[in-house]
Amino acid sequence: MLLFRANIAHFPHATVNFGDDIQVILDGGLVVDGGKILAVGDYAKMRSTYPDAELNDHSGCWILPGLIDSHLHYPQTQSIASYGDQLLSWLENYTFPTEMQFSDLSHAQKVASDFYSS
């Protein structure tokens, strides 16, 4: 069991309004066991509740939720994970040709069906 000590910002509930739903804990504690978060709160409380947890002290640093860019572009569905070494090269060789296929209505409808059923 691990106890991480740091400033913590997280969303304890389903987020609707970023400013209202975020919780910031200065000098917080995050308890993890087997890759699962068990508890989060004030460091002193987490230390007393989990006295045997191995401490990873990151005082003065921040623990933040995973900031994952989960957006995607429907017309680029078929070029996801295509190789590209530079953005412009990738766009010219994979993305733009893939997107040009959407001028064919039957192709657009097929990809839309795949996209929305995934």
C-alpha atoms as a PDB file:
ATOM      1  CA  MET A   1       0.000   0.000   0.000  1.00  0.00           C
ATOM      2  CA  LEU A   2       1.351   3.437  -0.961  1.00  0.00           C
ATOM      3  CA  LEU A   3       0.610   6.874   0.441  1.00  0.00           C
ATOM      4  CA  PHE A   4       1.464   9.787  -1.827  1.00  0.00           C
ATOM      5  CA  ARG A   5       1.850  13.164  -0.147  1.00  0.00           C
ATOM      6  CA  ALA A   6       1.394  16.249  -2.352  1.00  0.00           C
ATOM      7  CA  ASN A   7      -1.034  18.977  -3.220  1.00  0.00           C
ATOM      8  CA  ILE A   8      -3.956  17.243  -4.902  1.00  0.00           C
ATOM      9  CA  ALA A   9      -6.568  18.481  -7.352  1.00  0.00           C
ATOM     10  CA  HIS A  10      -9.297  16.026  -8.329  1.00  0.00           C
ATOM     11  CA  PHE A  11     -12.959  15.622  -9.170  1.00  0.00           C
ATOM     12  CA  PRO A  12     -14.646  13.535  -6.462  1.00  0.00           C
ATOM     13  CA  HIS A  13     -17.979  13.454  -8.309  1.00  0.00           C
ATOM     14  CA  ALA A  14     -19.233  13.467 -11.887  1.00  0.00           C
ATOM     15  CA  THR A  15     -18.108  16.807 -13.264  1.00  0.00           C
ATOM     16  CA  VAL A  16     -20.631  19.253 -14.595  1.00  0.00           C
ATOM     17  CA  ASN A  17     -19.101  22.621 -13.776  1.00  0.00           C
ATOM     18  CA  PHE A  18     -15.308  22.638 -13.605  1.00  0.00           C
ATOM     19  CA  GLY A  19     -15.051  25.495 -11.087  1.00  0.00           C
ATOM     20  CA  ASP A  20     -17.692  24.013  -8.792  1.00  0.00           C
ATOM     21  CA  ASP A  21     -16.729  20.353  -8.934  1.00  0.00           C
ATOM     22  CA  ILE A  22     -12.951  20.410  -8.509  1.00  0.00           C
ATOM     23  CA  GLN A  23     -11.549  19.705  -5.057  1.00  0.00           C
ATOM     24  CA  VAL A  24      -8.110  21.074  -4.164  1.00  0.00           C
ATOM     25  CA  ILE A  25      -6.327  19.650  -1.134  1.00  0.00           C
ATOM     26  CA  LEU A  26      -3.154  21.425  -0.096  1.00  0.00           C
ATOM     27  CA  ASP A  27      -0.910  18.916   1.674  1.00  0.00           C
ATOM     28  CA  GLY A  28      -3.067  16.005   0.612  1.00  0.00           C
ATOM     29  CA  GLY A  29      -2.711  12.258   0.810  1.00  0.00           C
ATOM     30  CA  LEU A  30      -3.569   9.725  -1.889  1.00  0.00           C
ATOM     31  CA  VAL A  31      -3.659   6.060  -0.847  1.00  0.00           C
ATOM     32  CA  VAL A  32      -3.139   3.439  -3.550  1.00  0.00           C
ATOM     33  CA  ASP A  33      -3.158  -0.338  -3.211  1.00  0.00           C
ATOM     34  CA  GLY A  34      -2.677  -2.728  -6.106  1.00  0.00           C
ATOM     35  CA  GLY A  35      -3.180   0.061  -8.639  1.00  0.00           C
ATOM     36  CA  LYS A  36      -6.512   1.102  -7.127  1.00  0.00           C
ATOM     37  CA  ILE A  37      -7.110   4.402  -5.346  1.00  0.00           C
ATOM     38  CA  LEU A  38      -8.441   3.623  -1.868  1.00  0.00           C
ATOM     39  CA  ALA A  39      -8.721   7.093  -0.384  1.00  0.00           C
ATOM     40  CA  VAL A  40      -7.875  10.747  -0.897  1.00  0.00           C
ATOM     41  CA  GLY A  41      -7.937  13.542   1.636  1.00  0.00           C
ATOM     42  CA  ASP A  42      -5.891  15.599   4.044  1.00  0.00           C
ATOM     43  CA  TYR A  43      -2.414  14.115   4.486  1.00  0.00           C
ATOM     44  CA  ALA A  44      -2.569  13.961   8.292  1.00  0.00           C
ATOM     45  CA  LYS A  45      -5.863  12.060   8.167  1.00  0.00           C
ATOM     46  CA  MET A  46      -4.616   9.645   5.480  1.00  0.00           C
ATOM     47  CA  ARG A  47      -1.388   9.029   7.478  1.00  0.00           C
ATOM     48  CA  SER A  48      -3.350   8.221  10.652  1.00  0.00           C
ATOM     49  CA  THR A  49      -5.895   6.079   8.799  1.00  0.00           C
ATOM     50  CA  TYR A  50      -3.217   4.141   6.882  1.00  0.00           C
ATOM     51  CA  PRO A  51      -0.185   4.165   9.234  1.00  0.00           C
ATOM     52  CA  ASP A  52       1.507   1.187   7.551  1.00  0.00           C
ATOM     53  CA  ALA A  53       1.361   2.623   4.025  1.00  0.00           C
ATOM     54  CA  GLU A  54       4.721   3.289   2.369  1.00  0.00           C
ATOM     55  CA  LEU A  55       5.166   7.058   2.068  1.00  0.00           C
ATOM     56  CA  ASN A  56       6.068   8.682  -1.248  1.00  0.00           C
ATOM     57  CA  ASP A  57       6.595  12.283  -0.214  1.00  0.00           C
ATOM     58  CA  HIS A  58       6.132  14.799  -3.015  1.00  0.00           C
ATOM     59  CA  SER A  59       5.422  17.785  -0.780  1.00  0.00           C
ATOM     60  CA  GLY A  60       5.207  20.996  -2.775  1.00  0.00           C
ATOM     61  CA  CYS A  61       4.356  19.113  -5.968  1.00  0.00           C
ATOM     62  CA  TRP A  62       0.939  18.396  -7.462  1.00  0.00           C
ATOM     63  CA  ILE A  63      -1.041  15.268  -8.190  1.00  0.00           C
ATOM     64  CA  LEU A  64      -3.606  15.910 -10.918  1.00  0.00           C
ATOM     65  CA  PRO A  65      -6.217  13.749 -12.622  1.00  0.00           C
ATOM     66  CA  GLY A  66      -5.217  12.237 -15.953  1.00  0.00           C
ATOM     67  CA  LEU A  67      -5.508  15.030 -18.464  1.00  0.00           C
ATOM     68  CA  ILE A  68      -6.456  12.970 -21.486  1.00  0.00           C
ATOM     69  CA  ASP A  69      -7.267  14.534 -24.835  1.00  0.00           C
ATOM     70  CA  SER A  70     -10.125  12.267 -25.830  1.00  0.00           C
ATOM     71  CA  HIS A  71     -11.411  14.226 -28.788  1.00  0.00           C
ATOM     72  CA  LEU A  72     -11.428  12.728 -32.247  1.00  0.00           C
ATOM     73  CA  HIS A  73     -12.471  13.714 -35.734  1.00  0.00           C
ATOM     74  CA  TYR A  74     -15.101  11.529 -37.359  1.00  0.00           C
ATOM     75  CA  PRO A  75     -13.642  11.964 -40.891  1.00  0.00           C
ATOM     76  CA  GLN A  76     -10.261  10.777 -39.582  1.00  0.00           C
ATOM     77  CA  THR A  77     -11.639   7.534 -38.118  1.00  0.00           C
ATOM     78  CA  GLN A  78      -9.933   5.418 -40.776  1.00  0.00           C
ATOM     79  CA  SER A  79      -6.551   7.113 -40.388  1.00  0.00           C
ATOM     80  CA  ILE A  80      -6.249   6.756 -36.616  1.00  0.00           C
ATOM     81  CA  ALA A  81      -2.850   5.310 -35.687  1.00  0.00           C
ATOM     82  CA  SER A  82      -1.459   5.818 -39.195  1.00  0.00           C
ATOM     83  CA  TYR A  83       2.265   6.375 -39.182  1.00  0.00           C
ATOM     84  CA  GLY A  84       3.517   9.936 -39.545  1.00  0.00           C
ATOM     85  CA  ASP A  85       6.769  11.535 -38.517  1.00  0.00           C
ATOM     86  CA  GLN A  86       5.779  15.201 -38.851  1.00  0.00           C
ATOM     87  CA  LEU A  87       2.297  16.717 -38.620  1.00  0.00           C
ATOM     88  CA  LEU A  88       2.227  18.135 -42.162  1.00  0.00           C
ATOM     89  CA  SER A  89       3.587  14.903 -43.638  1.00  0.00           C
ATOM     90  CA  TRP A  90       0.992  12.883 -41.722  1.00  0.00           C
ATOM     91  CA  LEU A  91      -1.820  15.200 -42.818  1.00  0.00           C
ATOM     92  CA  GLU A  92      -0.756  15.140 -46.485  1.00  0.00           C
ATOM     93  CA  ASN A  93      -0.139  11.383 -46.692  1.00  0.00           C
ATOM     94  CA  TYR A  94      -2.914   9.998 -44.502  1.00  0.00           C
ATOM     95  CA  THR A  95      -5.472  12.447 -43.184  1.00  0.00           C
ATOM     96  CA  PHE A  96      -6.273  14.579 -46.235  1.00  0.00           C
ATOM     97  CA  PRO A  97      -6.619  11.580 -48.607  1.00  0.00           C
ATOM     98  CA  THR A  98      -8.817   9.830 -46.034  1.00  0.00           C
ATOM     99  CA  GLU A  99     -11.016  12.901 -45.606  1.00  0.00           C
ATOM    100  CA  MET A 100     -11.338  13.380 -49.386  1.00  0.00           C
ATOM    101  CA  GLN A 101     -13.124  10.019 -49.562  1.00  0.00           C
ATOM    102  CA  PHE A 102     -16.038  11.631 -47.712  1.00  0.00           C
ATOM    103  CA  SER A 103     -17.150  13.334 -50.908  1.00  0.00           C
ATOM    104  CA  ASP A 104     -18.686   9.908 -51.694  1.00  0.00           C
ATOM    105  CA  LEU A 105     -21.962   9.793 -49.716  1.00  0.00           C
ATOM    106  CA  SER A 106     -22.039   5.985 -49.438  1.00  0.00           C
ATOM    107  CA  HIS A 107     -18.507   5.986 -47.983  1.00  0.00           C
ATOM    108  CA  ALA A 108     -19.434   8.725 -45.490  1.00  0.00           C
ATOM    109  CA  GLN A 109     -22.528   6.792 -44.408  1.00  0.00           C
ATOM    110  CA  LYS A 110     -20.550   3.544 -43.940  1.00  0.00           C
ATOM    111  CA  VAL A 111     -17.880   5.228 -41.811  1.00  0.00           C
ATOM    112  CA  ALA A 112     -20.549   7.090 -39.821  1.00  0.00           C
ATOM    113  CA  SER A 113     -22.238   3.764 -39.092  1.00  0.00           C
ATOM    114  CA  ASP A 114     -18.938   2.258 -37.919  1.00  0.00           C
ATOM    115  CA  PHE A 115     -18.076   5.399 -35.921  1.00  0.00           C
ATOM    116  CA  TYR A 116     -21.349   5.528 -34.016  1.00  0.00           C
ATOM    117  CA  SER A 117     -21.549   1.805 -33.357  1.00  0.00           C
ATOM    118  CA  SER A 118     -18.082   1.696 -31.744  1.00  0.00           C
END
